[in-house]
Structure formats: C-alpha cells, structure tokens
C-alpha atoms as a PDB file:
ATOM      1  CA  UNK A   1     134.486 -36.150 -46.894  1.00  0.00           C
ATOM      2  CA  UNK A   2     132.395 -36.413 -43.723  1.00  0.00           C
ATOM      3  CA  UNK A   3     129.414 -38.762 -43.656  1.00  0.00           C
ATOM      4  CA  UNK A   4     127.476 -36.545 -41.203  1.00  0.00           C
ATOM      5  CA  UNK A   5     126.580 -33.002 -42.236  1.00  0.00           C
ATOM      6  CA  UNK A   6     126.294 -31.184 -38.880  1.00  0.00           C
ATOM      7  CA  UNK A   7     125.794 -27.693 -40.238  1.00  0.00           C
ATOM      8  CA  UNK A   8     122.705 -26.021 -38.905  1.00  0.00           C
ATOM      9  CA  UNK A   9     121.404 -22.432 -38.520  1.00  0.00           C
ATOM     10  CA  UNK A  10     118.710 -20.852 -36.453  1.00  0.00           C
ATOM     11  CA  UNK A  11     117.195 -17.455 -37.355  1.00  0.00           C
ATOM     12  CA  UNK A  12     114.082 -15.609 -36.555  1.00  0.00           C
ATOM     13  CA  UNK A  13     112.055 -13.439 -38.927  1.00  0.00           C
ATOM     14  CA  UNK A  14     109.898 -10.791 -37.386  1.00  0.00           C
ATOM     15  CA  UNK A  15     106.255 -10.666 -38.281  1.00  0.00           C
ATOM     16  CA  UNK A  16     102.934 -11.512 -36.744  1.00  0.00           C
ATOM     17  CA  UNK A  17     103.479 -14.193 -35.688  1.00  0.00           C
ATOM     18  CA  UNK A  18     107.243 -14.344 -35.695  1.00  0.00           C
ATOM     19  CA  UNK A  19     108.867 -17.327 -37.429  1.00  0.00           C
ATOM     20  CA  UNK A  20     111.810 -19.313 -36.145  1.00  0.00           C
ATOM     21  CA  UNK A  21     113.702 -20.965 -39.089  1.00  0.00           C
ATOM     22  CA  UNK A  22     115.910 -23.992 -38.496  1.00  0.00           C
ATOM     23  CA  UNK A  23     118.171 -25.359 -41.196  1.00  0.00           C
ATOM     24  CA  UNK A  24     119.788 -28.815 -41.080  1.00  0.00           C
ATOM     25  CA  UNK A  25     119.173 -31.687 -38.796  1.00  0.00           C
ATOM     26  CA  UNK A  26     117.608 -31.399 -35.292  1.00  0.00           C
ATOM     27  CA  UNK A  27     119.317 -34.213 -33.521  1.00  0.00           C
ATOM     28  CA  UNK A  28     121.196 -34.570 -30.248  1.00  0.00           C
ATOM     29  CA  UNK A  29     122.551 -31.396 -28.862  1.00  0.00           C
ATOM     30  CA  UNK A  30     120.933 -29.365 -31.616  1.00  0.00           C
ATOM     31  CA  UNK A  31     117.611 -30.061 -29.939  1.00  0.00           C
ATOM     32  CA  UNK A  32     118.848 -28.237 -26.832  1.00  0.00           C
ATOM     33  CA  UNK A  33     119.837 -25.251 -29.018  1.00  0.00           C
ATOM     34  CA  UNK A  34     116.364 -25.284 -30.572  1.00  0.00           C
ATOM     35  CA  UNK A  35     114.775 -25.458 -27.085  1.00  0.00           C
ATOM     36  CA  UNK A  36     116.633 -22.369 -25.913  1.00  0.00           C
ATOM     37  CA  UNK A  37     115.615 -20.338 -28.894  1.00  0.00           C
ATOM     38  CA  UNK A  38     112.010 -21.580 -28.705  1.00  0.00           C
ATOM     39  CA  UNK A  39     111.854 -20.774 -24.993  1.00  0.00           C
ATOM     40  CA  UNK A  40     113.077 -17.213 -25.581  1.00  0.00           C
ATOM     41  CA  UNK A  41     110.625 -16.698 -28.458  1.00  0.00           C
ATOM     42  CA  UNK A  42     107.740 -18.130 -26.370  1.00  0.00           C
ATOM     43  CA  UNK A  43     108.508 -15.796 -23.478  1.00  0.00           C
ATOM     44  CA  UNK A  44     108.516 -12.661 -25.677  1.00  0.00           C
ATOM     45  CA  UNK A  45     105.535 -13.941 -27.765  1.00  0.00           C
ATOM     46  CA  UNK A  46     103.004 -15.630 -25.447  1.00  0.00           C
ATOM     47  CA  UNK A  47     100.455 -15.714 -28.289  1.00  0.00           C
ATOM     48  CA  UNK A  48     102.720 -18.077 -30.139  1.00  0.00           C
ATOM     49  CA  UNK A  49     104.958 -18.303 -33.194  1.00  0.00           C
ATOM     50  CA  UNK A  50     105.777 -20.466 -36.180  1.00  0.00           C
ATOM     51  CA  UNK A  51     108.629 -22.942 -36.646  1.00  0.00           C
ATOM     52  CA  UNK A  52     109.554 -23.184 -40.237  1.00  0.00           C
ATOM     53  CA  UNK A  53     110.672 -26.833 -40.890  1.00  0.00           C
ATOM     54  CA  UNK A  54     111.189 -26.412 -44.721  1.00  0.00           C
ATOM     55  CA  UNK A  55     114.988 -26.779 -44.467  1.00  0.00           C
ATOM     56  CA  UNK A  56     115.005 -29.488 -41.695  1.00  0.00           C
ATOM     57  CA  UNK A  57     116.096 -32.793 -43.173  1.00  0.00           C
ATOM     58  CA  UNK A  58     115.852 -34.976 -40.101  1.00  0.00           C
ATOM     59  CA  UNK A  59     114.641 -34.642 -36.427  1.00  0.00           C
ATOM     60  CA  UNK A  60     114.921 -37.122 -33.602  1.00  0.00           C
ATOM     61  CA  UNK A  61     112.786 -37.826 -30.461  1.00  0.00           C
ATOM     62  CA  UNK A  62     114.546 -34.981 -28.538  1.00  0.00           C
ATOM     63  CA  UNK A  63     113.357 -32.563 -31.117  1.00  0.00           C
ATOM     64  CA  UNK A  64     109.799 -33.942 -30.959  1.00  0.00           C
ATOM     65  CA  UNK A  65     109.943 -33.587 -27.126  1.00  0.00           C
ATOM     66  CA  UNK A  66     111.071 -29.857 -27.422  1.00  0.00           C
ATOM     67  CA  UNK A  67     108.338 -29.090 -29.923  1.00  0.00           C
ATOM     68  CA  UNK A  68     105.657 -30.664 -27.770  1.00  0.00           C
ATOM     69  CA  UNK A  69     106.975 -28.971 -24.576  1.00  0.00           C
ATOM     70  CA  UNK A  70     106.890 -25.516 -26.119  1.00  0.00           C
ATOM     71  CA  UNK A  71     103.459 -26.135 -27.725  1.00  0.00           C
ATOM     72  CA  UNK A  72     102.105 -27.145 -24.246  1.00  0.00           C
ATOM     73  CA  UNK A  73     103.663 -24.111 -22.506  1.00  0.00           C
ATOM     74  CA  UNK A  74     101.991 -21.748 -24.978  1.00  0.00           C
ATOM     75  CA  UNK A  75      98.430 -23.236 -24.661  1.00  0.00           C
ATOM     76  CA  UNK A  76      97.500 -21.865 -21.186  1.00  0.00           C
ATOM     77  CA  UNK A  77      97.867 -18.302 -22.423  1.00  0.00           C
ATOM     78  CA  UNK A  78      95.899 -19.064 -25.511  1.00  0.00           C
ATOM     79  CA  UNK A  79      99.051 -19.220 -27.668  1.00  0.00           C
ATOM     80  CA  UNK A  80     100.050 -21.759 -30.224  1.00  0.00           C
ATOM     81  CA  UNK A  81     102.954 -23.168 -32.148  1.00  0.00           C
ATOM     82  CA  UNK A  82     102.453 -23.643 -35.802  1.00  0.00           C
ATOM     83  CA  UNK A  83     104.795 -25.917 -37.772  1.00  0.00           C
ATOM     84  CA  UNK A  84     105.401 -24.748 -41.331  1.00  0.00           C
ATOM     85  CA  UNK A  85     106.399 -26.637 -44.451  1.00  0.00           C
ATOM     86  CA  UNK A  86     107.891 -29.856 -43.143  1.00  0.00           C
ATOM     87  CA  UNK A  87     109.742 -31.972 -45.704  1.00  0.00           C
ATOM     88  CA  UNK A  88     107.916 -35.234 -46.525  1.00  0.00           C
ATOM     89  CA  UNK A  89     110.280 -37.408 -44.318  1.00  0.00           C
ATOM     90  CA  UNK A  90     109.861 -34.937 -41.379  1.00  0.00           C
ATOM     91  CA  UNK A  91     106.088 -34.806 -41.895  1.00  0.00           C
ATOM     92  CA  UNK A  92     106.137 -38.648 -41.840  1.00  0.00           C
ATOM     93  CA  UNK A  93     107.622 -38.643 -38.367  1.00  0.00           C
ATOM     94  CA  UNK A  94     104.836 -36.406 -37.089  1.00  0.00           C
ATOM     95  CA  UNK A  95     102.276 -38.754 -38.779  1.00  0.00           C
ATOM     96  CA  UNK A  96     103.805 -41.993 -37.399  1.00  0.00           C
ATOM     97  CA  UNK A  97     103.881 -40.621 -33.917  1.00  0.00           C
ATOM     98  CA  UNK A  98     100.366 -39.081 -34.449  1.00  0.00           C
ATOM     99  CA  UNK A  99     101.633 -35.725 -33.342  1.00  0.00           C
ATOM    100  CA  UNK A 100     100.060 -34.317 -36.446  1.00  0.00           C
ATOM    101  CA  UNK A 101      96.725 -34.816 -34.606  1.00  0.00           C
ATOM    102  CA  UNK A 102      97.732 -32.438 -31.740  1.00  0.00           C
ATOM    103  CA  UNK A 103      99.964 -29.980 -33.522  1.00  0.00           C
ATOM    104  CA  UNK A 104      99.062 -27.455 -36.161  1.00  0.00           C
ATOM    105  CA  UNK A 105     101.052 -28.212 -39.347  1.00  0.00           C
ATOM    106  CA  UNK A 106     100.722 -25.984 -42.468  1.00  0.00           C
ATOM    107  CA  UNK A 107     102.314 -26.313 -45.882  1.00  0.00           C
ATOM    108  CA  UNK A 108     102.498 -22.638 -46.576  1.00  0.00           C
ATOM    109  CA  UNK A 109     104.287 -19.608 -45.426  1.00  0.00           C
ATOM    110  CA  UNK A 110     102.284 -17.101 -43.306  1.00  0.00           C
ATOM    111  CA  UNK A 111     101.393 -13.776 -44.922  1.00  0.00           C
END
C-alpha cells in the first residue's frame, strides 16, 4: 500500500463567478498543473473566479505562490480570487503565513 496518495483532480464548474475545484494534495508538480488551469481561467474571466479548497488535504509553498500570483494578476482589472471552504489544516497554513489577511477566504459555496 503506498504511503503517498497522489491522486488529484481539477474541474471547473460554470457559474458567476466560475469555480475551480481541486481534489487532493497541491504539492510539487501539481502546483504547476493548478497554475496552468488558473491562468486559463483568469484569462477568460478577468473579473475573477473562486478556488474550492474543500477537498484539498495539503498544500505547499509552491501552491501558495501560485495562488498569490493569480490573485495579483486579477487585481489590476478589478478581478479577485476567492478561496472557498479550506479544510482546517489548509486554513491554518493561510493563517500562519498571514495570507488570510490579503486573500478573500469564505467558508461557504457561492450561490
């Protein structure tokens, strides 16, 4: 039985704003996959989008960098990135790094 579960999934649900859903751990090369998807979504939705973290069990500094990069790219056009439903351990990472003070984090799904 493997010690590391490297299964992950990225999907997008349409809506206003659209929501990108990531399942699994955002570590290592998966951060690059997330970046590619977020860049595509930010180009087609300059007003912003949501990133659902409810099924993300772990993220590393690469993932934090990607999230900040995309959030900063959206700001000049008045867009924003909203982080949704982070699990407690993921929310703790944002709190320890104080990124919760510069990113919008919500514990609910958009209507």
